[in-house]
PDB file of N, CA and C in Angstrom:
ATOM      1  N   MET A   1     -81.886 -42.583 -27.659  1.00  0.00           N
ATOM      2  CA  MET A   1     -81.844 -43.766 -26.898  1.00  0.00           C
ATOM      3  C   MET A   1     -82.499 -43.622 -25.492  1.00  0.00           C
ATOM      4  N   PRO A   2     -82.225 -42.529 -24.784  1.00  0.00           N
ATOM      5  CA  PRO A   2     -82.855 -42.381 -23.507  1.00  0.00           C
ATOM      6  C   PRO A   2     -84.372 -42.328 -23.532  1.00  0.00           C
ATOM      7  N   LEU A   3     -84.947 -41.961 -24.691  1.00  0.00           N
ATOM      8  CA  LEU A   3     -86.382 -41.924 -24.796  1.00  0.00           C
ATOM      9  C   LEU A   3     -86.912 -43.361 -24.787  1.00  0.00           C
ATOM     10  N   TYR A   4     -86.130 -44.321 -25.201  1.00  0.00           N
ATOM     11  CA  TYR A   4     -86.548 -45.725 -25.243  1.00  0.00           C
ATOM     12  C   TYR A   4     -85.998 -46.517 -24.042  1.00  0.00           C
ATOM     13  N   PHE A   5     -84.861 -46.119 -23.542  1.00  0.00           N
ATOM     14  CA  PHE A   5     -84.255 -46.793 -22.397  1.00  0.00           C
ATOM     15  C   PHE A   5     -83.985 -45.774 -21.335  1.00  0.00           C
ATOM     16  N   SER A   6     -84.912 -45.595 -20.411  1.00  0.00           N
ATOM     17  CA  SER A   6     -84.833 -44.539 -19.450  1.00  0.00           C
ATOM     18  C   SER A   6     -83.590 -44.565 -18.526  1.00  0.00           C
ATOM     19  N   ALA A   7     -83.019 -45.721 -18.353  1.00  0.00           N
ATOM     20  CA  ALA A   7     -81.816 -45.864 -17.508  1.00  0.00           C
ATOM     21  C   ALA A   7     -80.642 -45.028 -18.085  1.00  0.00           C
ATOM     22  N   LEU A   8     -80.669 -44.757 -19.380  1.00  0.00           N
ATOM     23  CA  LEU A   8     -79.612 -43.995 -20.019  1.00  0.00           C
ATOM     24  C   LEU A   8     -79.779 -42.463 -19.794  1.00  0.00           C
ATOM     25  N   SER A   9     -80.962 -42.002 -19.421  1.00  0.00           N
ATOM     26  CA  SER A   9     -81.254 -40.600 -19.449  1.00  0.00           C
ATOM     27  C   SER A   9     -80.423 -39.813 -18.414  1.00  0.00           C
ATOM     28  N   GLU A  10     -79.892 -40.414 -17.393  1.00  0.00           N
ATOM     29  CA  GLU A  10     -79.161 -39.669 -16.370  1.00  0.00           C
ATOM     30  C   GLU A  10     -77.747 -39.212 -16.865  1.00  0.00           C
ATOM     31  N   ALA A  11     -77.173 -39.911 -17.796  1.00  0.00           N
ATOM     32  CA  ALA A  11     -75.806 -39.556 -18.207  1.00  0.00           C
ATOM     33  C   ALA A  11     -75.666 -39.516 -19.725  1.00  0.00           C
ATOM     34  N   TRP A  12     -76.747 -39.227 -20.446  1.00  0.00           N
ATOM     35  CA  TRP A  12     -76.713 -39.198 -21.927  1.00  0.00           C
ATOM     36  C   TRP A  12     -76.648 -37.778 -22.358  1.00  0.00           C
ATOM     37  N   ILE A  13     -75.848 -37.523 -23.425  1.00  0.00           N
ATOM     38  CA  ILE A  13     -75.809 -36.165 -24.023  1.00  0.00           C
ATOM     39  C   ILE A  13     -75.885 -36.287 -25.502  1.00  0.00           C
ATOM     40  N   ASN A  14     -76.870 -35.603 -26.111  1.00  0.00           N
ATOM     41  CA  ASN A  14     -76.952 -35.434 -27.548  1.00  0.00           C
ATOM     42  C   ASN A  14     -76.233 -34.162 -27.938  1.00  0.00           C
ATOM     43  N   VAL A  15     -75.642 -34.149 -29.117  1.00  0.00           N
ATOM     44  CA  VAL A  15     -74.964 -32.939 -29.606  1.00  0.00           C
ATOM     45  C   VAL A  15     -75.645 -32.460 -30.925  1.00  0.00           C
ATOM     46  N   ALA A  16     -76.006 -31.205 -30.958  1.00  0.00           N
ATOM     47  CA  ALA A  16     -76.491 -30.587 -32.192  1.00  0.00           C
ATOM     48  C   ALA A  16     -75.408 -29.662 -32.716  1.00  0.00           C
ATOM     49  N   ASN A  17     -75.292 -29.512 -33.993  1.00  0.00           N
ATOM     50  CA  ASN A  17     -74.313 -28.633 -34.602  1.00  0.00           C
ATOM     51  C   ASN A  17     -74.926 -27.316 -35.000  1.00  0.00           C
ATOM     52  N   VAL A  18     -74.453 -26.225 -34.363  1.00  0.00           N
ATOM     53  CA  VAL A  18     -74.865 -24.884 -34.727  1.00  0.00           C
ATOM     54  C   VAL A  18     -73.603 -24.207 -35.302  1.00  0.00           C
ATOM     55  N   SER A  19     -73.606 -23.913 -36.568  1.00  0.00           N
ATOM     56  CA  SER A  19     -72.442 -23.322 -37.216  1.00  0.00           C
ATOM     57  C   SER A  19     -72.433 -21.820 -37.047  1.00  0.00           C
ATOM     58  N   THR A  20     -71.264 -21.250 -36.752  1.00  0.00           N
ATOM     59  CA  THR A  20     -71.083 -19.816 -36.650  1.00  0.00           C
ATOM     60  C   THR A  20     -70.176 -19.441 -37.885  1.00  0.00           C
ATOM     61  N   PHE A  21     -70.722 -18.649 -38.785  1.00  0.00           N
ATOM     62  CA  PHE A  21     -69.982 -18.295 -39.972  1.00  0.00           C
ATOM     63  C   PHE A  21     -69.110 -17.051 -39.747  1.00  0.00           C
ATOM     64  N   GLU A  22     -68.220 -16.795 -40.707  1.00  0.00           N
ATOM     65  CA  GLU A  22     -67.290 -15.673 -40.574  1.00  0.00           C
ATOM     66  C   GLU A  22     -67.959 -14.362 -40.319  1.00  0.00           C
ATOM     67  N   ASN A  23     -69.166 -14.180 -40.862  1.00  0.00           N
ATOM     68  CA  ASN A  23     -69.883 -12.860 -40.638  1.00  0.00           C
ATOM     69  C   ASN A  23     -70.633 -12.822 -39.327  1.00  0.00           C
ATOM     70  N   GLY A  24     -70.539 -13.873 -38.496  1.00  0.00           N
ATOM     71  CA  GLY A  24     -71.156 -13.878 -37.204  1.00  0.00           C
ATOM     72  C   GLY A  24     -72.565 -14.551 -37.185  1.00  0.00           C
ATOM     73  N   THR A  25     -73.106 -14.828 -38.308  1.00  0.00           N
ATOM     74  CA  THR A  25     -74.443 -15.441 -38.343  1.00  0.00           C
ATOM     75  C   THR A  25     -74.327 -16.924 -37.874  1.00  0.00           C
ATOM     76  N   LYS A  26     -75.399 -17.396 -37.309  1.00  0.00           N
ATOM     77  CA  LYS A  26     -75.419 -18.781 -36.801  1.00  0.00           C
ATOM     78  C   LYS A  26     -76.551 -19.509 -37.547  1.00  0.00           C
ATOM     79  N   MET A  27     -76.318 -20.829 -37.750  1.00  0.00           N
ATOM     80  CA  MET A  27     -77.328 -21.627 -38.470  1.00  0.00           C
ATOM     81  C   MET A  27     -77.235 -23.078 -37.907  1.00  0.00           C
ATOM     82  N   LEU A  28     -78.401 -23.622 -37.615  1.00  0.00           N
ATOM     83  CA  LEU A  28     -78.504 -25.014 -37.162  1.00  0.00           C
ATOM     84  C   LEU A  28     -78.227 -25.920 -38.382  1.00  0.00           C
ATOM     85  N   ASN A  29     -77.221 -26.738 -38.258  1.00  0.00           N
ATOM     86  CA  ASN A  29     -76.846 -27.618 -39.379  1.00  0.00           C
ATOM     87  C   ASN A  29     -76.952 -29.086 -39.035  1.00  0.00           C
ATOM     88  N   SER A  30     -77.868 -29.391 -38.125  1.00  0.00           N
ATOM     89  CA  SER A  30     -78.148 -30.790 -37.773  1.00  0.00           C
ATOM     90  C   SER A  30     -79.581 -30.851 -37.325  1.00  0.00           C
ATOM     91  N   SER A  31     -80.006 -31.994 -36.875  1.00  0.00           N
ATOM     92  CA  SER A  31     -81.337 -32.105 -36.276  1.00  0.00           C
ATOM     93  C   SER A  31     -81.414 -31.269 -35.017  1.00  0.00           C
ATOM     94  N   PRO A  32     -82.510 -30.565 -34.782  1.00  0.00           N
ATOM     95  CA  PRO A  32     -82.599 -29.802 -33.554  1.00  0.00           C
ATOM     96  C   PRO A  32     -82.771 -30.716 -32.368  1.00  0.00           C
ATOM     97  N   CYS A  33     -82.545 -30.166 -31.210  1.00  0.00           N
ATOM     98  CA  CYS A  33     -82.669 -30.943 -29.956  1.00  0.00           C
ATOM     99  C   CYS A  33     -84.067 -31.448 -29.766  1.00  0.00           C
ATOM    100  N   ALA A  34     -85.055 -30.648 -30.028  1.00  0.00           N
ATOM    101  CA  ALA A  34     -86.502 -30.998 -29.954  1.00  0.00           C
ATOM    102  C   ALA A  34     -86.798 -31.827 -28.692  1.00  0.00           C
ATOM    103  N   THR A  35     -87.235 -33.050 -28.869  1.00  0.00           N
ATOM    104  CA  THR A  35     -87.649 -33.888 -27.719  1.00  0.00           C
ATOM    105  C   THR A  35     -86.493 -34.317 -26.832  1.00  0.00           C
ATOM    106  N   THR A  36     -85.262 -34.148 -27.330  1.00  0.00           N
ATOM    107  CA  THR A  36     -84.095 -34.487 -26.521  1.00  0.00           C
ATOM    108  C   THR A  36     -83.507 -33.285 -25.822  1.00  0.00           C
ATOM    109  N   ALA A  37     -84.248 -32.166 -25.756  1.00  0.00           N
ATOM    110  CA  ALA A  37     -83.693 -30.934 -25.178  1.00  0.00           C
ATOM    111  C   ALA A  37     -83.161 -31.096 -23.757  1.00  0.00           C
ATOM    112  N   ALA A  38     -83.741 -32.011 -23.023  1.00  0.00           N
ATOM    113  CA  ALA A  38     -83.302 -32.217 -21.616  1.00  0.00           C
ATOM    114  C   ALA A  38     -81.925 -32.742 -21.514  1.00  0.00           C
ATOM    115  N   PHE A  39     -81.389 -33.339 -22.572  1.00  0.00           N
ATOM    116  CA  PHE A  39     -80.040 -33.908 -22.528  1.00  0.00           C
ATOM    117  C   PHE A  39     -79.264 -33.595 -23.850  1.00  0.00           C
ATOM    118  N   CYS A  40     -79.498 -32.387 -24.372  1.00  0.00           N
ATOM    119  CA  CYS A  40     -78.867 -31.976 -25.631  1.00  0.00           C
ATOM    120  C   CYS A  40     -78.083 -30.702 -25.429  1.00  0.00           C
ATOM    121  N   VAL A  41     -76.948 -30.611 -26.052  1.00  0.00           N
ATOM    122  CA  VAL A  41     -76.126 -29.422 -26.063  1.00  0.00           C
ATOM    123  C   VAL A  41     -75.779 -29.095 -27.507  1.00  0.00           C
ATOM    124  N   SER A  42     -75.785 -27.830 -27.849  1.00  0.00           N
ATOM    125  CA  SER A  42     -75.435 -27.392 -29.231  1.00  0.00           C
ATOM    126  C   SER A  42     -74.015 -26.842 -29.176  1.00  0.00           C
ATOM    127  N   HIS A  43     -73.244 -27.162 -30.215  1.00  0.00           N
ATOM    128  CA  HIS A  43     -71.887 -26.661 -30.311  1.00  0.00           C
ATOM    129  C   HIS A  43     -71.558 -26.374 -31.763  1.00  0.00           C
ATOM    130  N   ASP A  44     -70.546 -25.536 -31.948  1.00  0.00           N
ATOM    131  CA  ASP A  44     -70.175 -25.090 -33.296  1.00  0.00           C
ATOM    132  C   ASP A  44     -69.221 -26.171 -33.905  1.00  0.00           C
ATOM    133  N   GLY A  45     -69.707 -26.808 -34.949  1.00  0.00           N
ATOM    134  CA  GLY A  45     -68.893 -27.779 -35.656  1.00  0.00           C
ATOM    135  C   GLY A  45     -68.587 -27.341 -37.086  1.00  0.00           C
ATOM    136  N   TYR A  46     -68.486 -26.006 -37.278  1.00  0.00           N
ATOM    137  CA  TYR A  46     -68.244 -25.491 -38.627  1.00  0.00           C
ATOM    138  C   TYR A  46     -66.777 -25.160 -38.808  1.00  0.00           C
ATOM    139  N   HIS A  47     -66.237 -25.656 -39.949  1.00  0.00           N
ATOM    140  CA  HIS A  47     -64.885 -25.301 -40.359  1.00  0.00           C
ATOM    141  C   HIS A  47     -63.856 -25.705 -39.313  1.00  0.00           C
ATOM    142  N   VAL A  48     -63.919 -26.946 -38.851  1.00  0.00           N
ATOM    143  CA  VAL A  48     -62.969 -27.446 -37.865  1.00  0.00           C
ATOM    144  C   VAL A  48     -61.926 -28.211 -38.572  1.00  0.00           C
ATOM    145  N   THR A  49     -60.646 -27.930 -38.297  1.00  0.00           N
ATOM    146  CA  THR A  49     -59.523 -28.608 -38.903  1.00  0.00           C
ATOM    147  C   THR A  49     -59.322 -29.969 -38.275  1.00  0.00           C
ATOM    148  N   SER A  50     -59.247 -30.974 -39.092  1.00  0.00           N
ATOM    149  CA  SER A  50     -58.992 -32.332 -38.577  1.00  0.00           C
ATOM    150  C   SER A  50     -58.037 -33.039 -39.465  1.00  0.00           C
ATOM    151  N   SER A  51     -57.519 -34.145 -38.995  1.00  0.00           N
ATOM    152  CA  SER A  51     -56.536 -34.927 -39.759  1.00  0.00           C
ATOM    153  C   SER A  51     -57.284 -35.983 -40.566  1.00  0.00           C
ATOM    154  N   GLN A  52     -56.905 -36.164 -41.778  1.00  0.00           N
ATOM    155  CA  GLN A  52     -57.505 -37.185 -42.619  1.00  0.00           C
ATOM    156  C   GLN A  52     -56.417 -38.140 -43.135  1.00  0.00           C
ATOM    157  N   TYR A  53     -56.757 -39.386 -43.214  1.00  0.00           N
ATOM    158  CA  TYR A  53     -55.839 -40.435 -43.720  1.00  0.00           C
ATOM    159  C   TYR A  53     -55.790 -40.359 -45.200  1.00  0.00           C
ATOM    160  N   LYS A  54     -54.600 -40.429 -45.743  1.00  0.00           N
ATOM    161  CA  LYS A  54     -54.436 -40.407 -47.215  1.00  0.00           C
ATOM    162  C   LYS A  54     -54.121 -41.792 -47.693  1.00  0.00           C
ATOM    163  N   SER A  55     -52.889 -42.274 -47.440  1.00  0.00           N
ATOM    164  CA  SER A  55     -52.487 -43.666 -47.780  1.00  0.00           C
ATOM    165  C   SER A  55     -51.173 -43.909 -47.061  1.00  0.00           C
ATOM    166  N   GLY A  56     -50.890 -45.171 -46.836  1.00  0.00           N
ATOM    167  CA  GLY A  56     -49.674 -45.549 -46.139  1.00  0.00           C
ATOM    168  C   GLY A  56     -49.679 -44.904 -44.764  1.00  0.00           C
ATOM    169  N   SER A  57     -48.713 -44.099 -44.522  1.00  0.00           N
ATOM    170  CA  SER A  57     -48.666 -43.355 -43.230  1.00  0.00           C
ATOM    171  C   SER A  57     -48.911 -41.860 -43.455  1.00  0.00           C
ATOM    172  N   ASP A  58     -49.395 -41.466 -44.619  1.00  0.00           N
ATOM    173  CA  ASP A  58     -49.603 -40.061 -44.941  1.00  0.00           C
ATOM    174  C   ASP A  58     -50.919 -39.597 -44.366  1.00  0.00           C
ATOM    175  N   HIS A  59     -50.926 -38.389 -43.832  1.00  0.00           N
ATOM    176  CA  HIS A  59     -52.099 -37.746 -43.313  1.00  0.00           C
ATOM    177  C   HIS A  59     -52.052 -36.293 -43.824  1.00  0.00           C
ATOM    178  N   PHE A  60     -53.212 -35.647 -43.879  1.00  0.00           N
ATOM    179  CA  PHE A  60     -53.278 -34.269 -44.250  1.00  0.00           C
ATOM    180  C   PHE A  60     -54.385 -33.608 -43.466  1.00  0.00           C
ATOM    181  N   ALA A  61     -54.267 -32.314 -43.335  1.00  0.00           N
ATOM    182  CA  ALA A  61     -55.248 -31.493 -42.577  1.00  0.00           C
ATOM    183  C   ALA A  61     -56.370 -31.049 -43.566  1.00  0.00           C
ATOM    184  N   MET A  62     -57.585 -31.129 -43.137  1.00  0.00           N
ATOM    185  CA  MET A  62     -58.660 -30.577 -43.933  1.00  0.00           C
ATOM    186  C   MET A  62     -59.734 -30.019 -43.009  1.00  0.00           C
ATOM    187  N   ASN A  63     -60.515 -29.099 -43.476  1.00  0.00           N
ATOM    188  CA  ASN A  63     -61.579 -28.525 -42.679  1.00  0.00           C
ATOM    189  C   ASN A  63     -62.867 -29.303 -42.988  1.00  0.00           C
ATOM    190  N   SER A  64     -63.600 -29.631 -41.919  1.00  0.00           N
ATOM    191  CA  SER A  64     -64.824 -30.356 -42.058  1.00  0.00           C
ATOM    192  C   SER A  64     -65.925 -29.624 -41.204  1.00  0.00           C
ATOM    193  N   ASN A  65     -67.176 -29.988 -41.453  1.00  0.00           N
ATOM    194  CA  ASN A  65     -68.309 -29.421 -40.794  1.00  0.00           C
ATOM    195  C   ASN A  65     -69.232 -30.518 -40.276  1.00  0.00           C
ATOM    196  N   GLY A  66     -70.007 -30.225 -39.239  1.00  0.00           N
ATOM    197  CA  GLY A  66     -71.069 -31.089 -38.810  1.00  0.00           C
ATOM    198  C   GLY A  66     -70.973 -31.554 -37.375  1.00  0.00           C
ATOM    199  N   THR A  67     -71.894 -32.452 -37.021  1.00  0.00           N
ATOM    200  CA  THR A  67     -71.889 -32.944 -35.658  1.00  0.00           C
ATOM    201  C   THR A  67     -70.671 -33.823 -35.388  1.00  0.00           C
ATOM    202  N   SER A  68     -70.065 -34.369 -36.444  1.00  0.00           N
ATOM    203  CA  SER A  68     -68.894 -35.163 -36.277  1.00  0.00           C
ATOM    204  C   SER A  68     -67.701 -34.282 -35.834  1.00  0.00           C
ATOM    205  N   MET A  69     -67.801 -32.996 -36.053  1.00  0.00           N
ATOM    206  CA  MET A  69     -66.760 -32.060 -35.612  1.00  0.00           C
ATOM    207  C   MET A  69     -67.162 -31.404 -34.295  1.00  0.00           C
ATOM    208  N   ALA A  70     -68.453 -31.278 -34.003  1.00  0.00           N
ATOM    209  CA  ALA A  70     -68.899 -30.685 -32.760  1.00  0.00           C
ATOM    210  C   ALA A  70     -68.813 -31.670 -31.577  1.00  0.00           C
ATOM    211  N   THR A  71     -69.054 -32.938 -31.802  1.00  0.00           N
ATOM    212  CA  THR A  71     -69.138 -33.925 -30.737  1.00  0.00           C
ATOM    213  C   THR A  71     -67.787 -34.131 -30.038  1.00  0.00           C
ATOM    214  N   PRO A  72     -66.638 -34.214 -30.759  1.00  0.00           N
ATOM    215  CA  PRO A  72     -65.396 -34.353 -30.006  1.00  0.00           C
ATOM    216  C   PRO A  72     -65.056 -33.158 -29.090  1.00  0.00           C
ATOM    217  N   GLN A  73     -65.536 -31.987 -29.493  1.00  0.00           N
ATOM    218  CA  GLN A  73     -65.331 -30.817 -28.664  1.00  0.00           C
ATOM    219  C   GLN A  73     -66.122 -30.882 -27.353  1.00  0.00           C
ATOM    220  N   VAL A  74     -67.377 -31.386 -27.493  1.00  0.00           N
ATOM    221  CA  VAL A  74     -68.198 -31.618 -26.298  1.00  0.00           C
ATOM    222  C   VAL A  74     -67.598 -32.677 -25.404  1.00  0.00           C
ATOM    223  N   ALA A  75     -67.052 -33.749 -26.042  1.00  0.00           N
ATOM    224  CA  ALA A  75     -66.398 -34.799 -25.286  1.00  0.00           C
ATOM    225  C   ALA A  75     -65.163 -34.247 -24.543  1.00  0.00           C
ATOM    226  N   GLY A  76     -64.471 -33.282 -25.161  1.00  0.00           N
ATOM    227  CA  GLY A  76     -63.319 -32.620 -24.499  1.00  0.00           C
ATOM    228  C   GLY A  76     -63.748 -31.857 -23.297  1.00  0.00           C
ATOM    229  N   ALA A  77     -64.896 -31.178 -23.415  1.00  0.00           N
ATOM    230  CA  ALA A  77     -65.458 -30.419 -22.271  1.00  0.00           C
ATOM    231  C   ALA A  77     -65.811 -31.347 -21.152  1.00  0.00           C
ATOM    232  N   ILE A  78     -66.352 -32.484 -21.454  1.00  0.00           N
ATOM    233  CA  ILE A  78     -66.662 -33.476 -20.441  1.00  0.00           C
ATOM    234  C   ILE A  78     -65.339 -33.973 -19.730  1.00  0.00           C
ATOM    235  N   ALA A  79     -64.303 -34.225 -20.528  1.00  0.00           N
ATOM    236  CA  ALA A  79     -63.007 -34.644 -19.966  1.00  0.00           C
ATOM    237  C   ALA A  79     -62.459 -33.622 -19.003  1.00  0.00           C
ATOM    238  N   ILE A  80     -62.589 -32.305 -19.369  1.00  0.00           N
ATOM    239  CA  ILE A  80     -62.110 -31.249 -18.481  1.00  0.00           C
ATOM    240  C   ILE A  80     -62.916 -31.191 -17.219  1.00  0.00           C
ATOM    241  N   LEU A  81     -64.230 -31.341 -17.329  1.00  0.00           N
ATOM    242  CA  LEU A  81     -65.062 -31.391 -16.134  1.00  0.00           C
ATOM    243  C   LEU A  81     -64.710 -32.542 -15.231  1.00  0.00           C
ATOM    244  N   TRP A  82     -64.499 -33.675 -15.845  1.00  0.00           N
ATOM    245  CA  TRP A  82     -64.166 -34.898 -15.045  1.00  0.00           C
ATOM    246  C   TRP A  82     -62.805 -34.762 -14.391  1.00  0.00           C
ATOM    247  N   GLU A  83     -61.877 -34.071 -15.039  1.00  0.00           N
ATOM    248  CA  GLU A  83     -60.596 -33.797 -14.418  1.00  0.00           C
ATOM    249  C   GLU A  83     -60.729 -32.868 -13.213  1.00  0.00           C
ATOM    250  N   ALA A  84     -61.594 -31.921 -13.336  1.00  0.00           N
ATOM    251  CA  ALA A  84     -61.803 -30.957 -12.254  1.00  0.00           C
ATOM    252  C   ALA A  84     -62.654 -31.550 -11.097  1.00  0.00           C
ATOM    253  N   PHE A  85     -63.514 -32.495 -11.449  1.00  0.00           N
ATOM    254  CA  PHE A  85     -64.381 -33.109 -10.411  1.00  0.00           C
ATOM    255  C   PHE A  85     -64.297 -34.638 -10.558  1.00  0.00           C
ATOM    256  N   PRO A  86     -63.120 -35.260 -10.241  1.00  0.00           N
ATOM    257  CA  PRO A  86     -62.940 -36.648 -10.475  1.00  0.00           C
ATOM    258  C   PRO A  86     -63.852 -37.599  -9.660  1.00  0.00           C
ATOM    259  N   ASP A  87     -64.381 -37.114  -8.560  1.00  0.00           N
ATOM    260  CA  ASP A  87     -65.238 -37.969  -7.753  1.00  0.00           C
ATOM    261  C   ASP A  87     -66.703 -37.885  -8.149  1.00  0.00           C
ATOM    262  N   ASN A  88     -67.043 -37.112  -9.135  1.00  0.00           N
ATOM    263  CA  ASN A  88     -68.462 -36.971  -9.552  1.00  0.00           C
ATOM    264  C   ASN A  88     -68.855 -38.168 -10.381  1.00  0.00           C
ATOM    265  N   ALA A  89     -70.090 -38.606 -10.191  1.00  0.00           N
ATOM    266  CA  ALA A  89     -70.672 -39.714 -10.997  1.00  0.00           C
ATOM    267  C   ALA A  89     -70.984 -39.160 -12.419  1.00  0.00           C
ATOM    268  N   PRO A  90     -71.081 -40.060 -13.381  1.00  0.00           N
ATOM    269  CA  PRO A  90     -71.391 -39.584 -14.734  1.00  0.00           C
ATOM    270  C   PRO A  90     -72.637 -38.681 -14.824  1.00  0.00           C
ATOM    271  N   GLU A  91     -73.674 -39.012 -14.088  1.00  0.00           N
ATOM    272  CA  GLU A  91     -74.889 -38.161 -14.149  1.00  0.00           C
ATOM    273  C   GLU A  91     -74.648 -36.788 -13.591  1.00  0.00           C
ATOM    274  N   VAL A  92     -73.719 -36.628 -12.636  1.00  0.00           N
ATOM    275  CA  VAL A  92     -73.387 -35.297 -12.100  1.00  0.00           C
ATOM    276  C   VAL A  92     -72.576 -34.485 -13.124  1.00  0.00           C
ATOM    277  N   ILE A  93     -71.627 -35.141 -13.812  1.00  0.00           N
ATOM    278  CA  ILE A  93     -70.869 -34.504 -14.860  1.00  0.00           C
ATOM    279  C   ILE A  93     -71.787 -34.035 -15.960  1.00  0.00           C
ATOM    280  N   THR A  94     -72.752 -34.886 -16.330  1.00  0.00           N
ATOM    281  CA  THR A  94     -73.736 -34.560 -17.351  1.00  0.00           C
ATOM    282  C   THR A  94     -74.506 -33.284 -16.964  1.00  0.00           C
ATOM    283  N   LYS A  95     -75.016 -33.259 -15.729  1.00  0.00           N
ATOM    284  CA  LYS A  95     -75.753 -32.100 -15.274  1.00  0.00           C
ATOM    285  C   LYS A  95     -74.920 -30.857 -15.238  1.00  0.00           C
ATOM    286  N   ARG A  96     -73.654 -30.953 -14.805  1.00  0.00           N
ATOM    287  CA  ARG A  96     -72.759 -29.822 -14.818  1.00  0.00           C
ATOM    288  C   ARG A  96     -72.584 -29.221 -16.216  1.00  0.00           C
ATOM    289  N   LEU A  97     -72.394 -30.124 -17.199  1.00  0.00           N
ATOM    290  CA  LEU A  97     -72.253 -29.632 -18.565  1.00  0.00           C
ATOM    291  C   LEU A  97     -73.517 -28.990 -19.083  1.00  0.00           C
ATOM    292  N   LEU A  98     -74.641 -29.622 -18.904  1.00  0.00           N
ATOM    293  CA  LEU A  98     -75.912 -29.145 -19.406  1.00  0.00           C
ATOM    294  C   LEU A  98     -76.389 -27.897 -18.732  1.00  0.00           C
ATOM    295  N   LEU A  99     -75.962 -27.639 -17.517  1.00  0.00           N
ATOM    296  CA  LEU A  99     -76.456 -26.482 -16.758  1.00  0.00           C
ATOM    297  C   LEU A  99     -75.490 -25.267 -16.859  1.00  0.00           C
ATOM    298  N   THR A 100     -74.358 -25.427 -17.533  1.00  0.00           N
ATOM    299  CA  THR A 100     -73.408 -24.311 -17.687  1.00  0.00           C
ATOM    300  C   THR A 100     -73.332 -23.839 -19.093  1.00  0.00           C
TER     301      THR A 100
END
C-alpha cells in the first residue's frame, strides 16, 4: 500500500514469516520483503499455538504457521514500544521497531 499511497509509508509495517525449525534452520515461508524492505520486518511464525473455535462455546489449542502467526507478535512488540514511549507518534514507533 505505501508504494501506491505515499502518505502511508511513515507508519506502515509489512511482516514476513521466517520459520525457525527444531534443528535451528531458518526458511522464508512468505513473500520476501523485496521492494517493501524499508518498512518490512521478518518474524518467526512457525508452530505457534493459537486458539481455534470449534462449536458453541468450545475452543481448542492448535499449532499454526505463517504470517498470520507472525503478525500478532509484531503487533505485540509495537504495543510494548508504545507503552514505553506513549508520547511518540506512529511514525516514530515504526522507526524504533524497524531500527532495532
